[in-house]
Amino acid sequence: MKVFKAILLIFLIMCALITCLHKRILVSIVIFMSYSLVMSVIWAILRSPDLAITEAAVGAGITSILFFVTLKKIHIMEKEVEDEESRS
């Protein structure tokens, strides 16, 4: 179990760093979703199911949907796709 906890903590730190340092916003949002899911697993391991459910629902669910809607409204997702197509 200690190895599993260590792997989760390392993955959590990696997700946080990648979210902060990645240049593409869409990738950062997806990594942030995985950060929230890993954090909810950690809360469950710590025997705090109320926080685990809240983290999964709010962190990975509602917040990510709001990020995607915001990106769609400000047209950043289309610009990133167009930039990738022009590079190919």
Protein backbone atom coordinates (compact mmCIF):
# COMPACT_ATOMS: atom_id res chain seq x y z
CA MET A 1 0.00 0.00 0.00
CA LYS A 2 2.91 2.36 0.66
CA VAL A 3 4.13 1.95 -2.90
CA PHE A 4 0.66 2.80 -4.23
CA LYS A 5 0.52 5.94 -2.06
CA ALA A 6 3.98 6.99 -3.23
CA ILE A 7 3.00 6.50 -6.87
CA LEU A 8 -0.15 8.59 -6.36
CA LEU A 9 1.79 11.39 -4.69
CA ILE A 10 4.42 11.45 -7.44
CA PHE A 11 1.68 11.49 -10.08
CA LEU A 12 -0.04 14.31 -8.19
CA ILE A 13 3.12 16.42 -8.19
CA MET A 14 3.73 15.69 -11.88
CA CYS A 15 0.17 16.70 -12.76
CA ALA A 16 0.52 19.96 -10.85
CA LEU A 17 3.79 20.84 -12.58
CA ILE A 18 2.57 19.91 -16.05
CA THR A 19 -0.63 21.91 -15.53
CA CYS A 20 1.40 24.99 -14.66
CA LEU A 21 4.10 24.65 -17.29
CA HIS A 22 2.33 23.34 -20.40
CA LYS A 23 1.81 25.85 -23.21
CA ARG A 24 -1.46 24.46 -24.57
CA ILE A 25 -4.43 25.39 -22.44
CA LEU A 26 -6.54 22.42 -23.46
CA VAL A 27 -3.86 19.95 -22.38
CA SER A 28 -3.51 21.80 -19.08
CA ILE A 29 -7.23 21.42 -18.42
CA VAL A 30 -7.16 17.69 -19.12
CA ILE A 31 -4.16 17.25 -16.82
CA PHE A 32 -5.99 19.30 -14.18
CA MET A 33 -8.90 16.86 -14.45
CA SER A 34 -6.58 13.95 -13.80
CA TYR A 35 -5.06 15.87 -10.87
CA SER A 36 -8.52 16.18 -9.32
CA LEU A 37 -9.27 12.50 -9.85
CA VAL A 38 -5.99 11.45 -8.23
CA MET A 39 -6.68 13.82 -5.36
CA SER A 40 -10.09 12.24 -4.85
CA VAL A 41 -8.45 8.79 -4.68
CA ILE A 42 -6.02 10.12 -2.08
CA TRP A 43 -8.92 11.50 -0.03
CA ALA A 44 -10.59 8.10 -0.22
CA ILE A 45 -7.40 6.38 0.97
CA LEU A 46 -7.26 8.83 3.87
CA ARG A 47 -10.78 7.66 4.80
CA SER A 48 -12.50 10.91 4.03
CA PRO A 49 -15.20 9.89 1.56
CA ASP A 50 -17.08 13.18 1.74
CA LEU A 51 -14.02 15.09 0.51
CA ALA A 52 -13.32 12.43 -2.11
CA ILE A 53 -16.81 12.73 -3.59
CA THR A 54 -16.67 16.52 -3.48
CA GLU A 55 -13.25 16.62 -5.15
CA ALA A 56 -14.37 14.25 -7.89
CA ALA A 57 -17.61 16.13 -8.53
CA VAL A 58 -16.35 19.69 -8.29
CA GLY A 59 -12.69 19.36 -9.25
CA ALA A 60 -12.92 16.94 -12.13
CA GLY A 61 -16.51 17.56 -13.09
CA ILE A 62 -17.93 21.02 -12.75
CA THR A 63 -14.69 23.00 -12.84
CA SER A 64 -13.45 21.24 -15.97
CA ILE A 65 -16.76 21.77 -17.74
CA LEU A 66 -16.61 25.46 -16.87
CA PHE A 67 -13.05 25.65 -18.23
CA PHE A 68 -14.09 23.97 -21.50
CA VAL A 69 -17.11 26.27 -21.92
CA THR A 70 -14.96 29.33 -21.23
CA LEU A 71 -12.35 28.24 -23.77
CA LYS A 72 -15.06 27.63 -26.34
CA LYS A 73 -16.56 31.07 -25.74
CA ILE A 74 -13.26 32.90 -26.10
CA HIS A 75 -12.34 30.76 -29.14
CA ILE A 76 -8.97 29.58 -27.86
CA MET A 77 -9.67 25.94 -28.70
CA GLU A 78 -10.26 26.79 -32.36
CA LYS A 79 -7.07 28.86 -32.49
CA GLU A 80 -5.01 25.99 -31.08
CA VAL A 81 -6.47 23.56 -33.63
CA GLU A 82 -5.82 26.01 -36.47
CA ASP A 83 -2.22 26.51 -35.30
CA GLU A 84 -1.66 22.75 -35.25
CA GLU A 85 -3.14 22.34 -38.74
CA SER A 86 -0.99 25.11 -40.15
CA ARG A 87 2.14 23.49 -38.70
CA SER A 88 1.37 20.12 -40.32
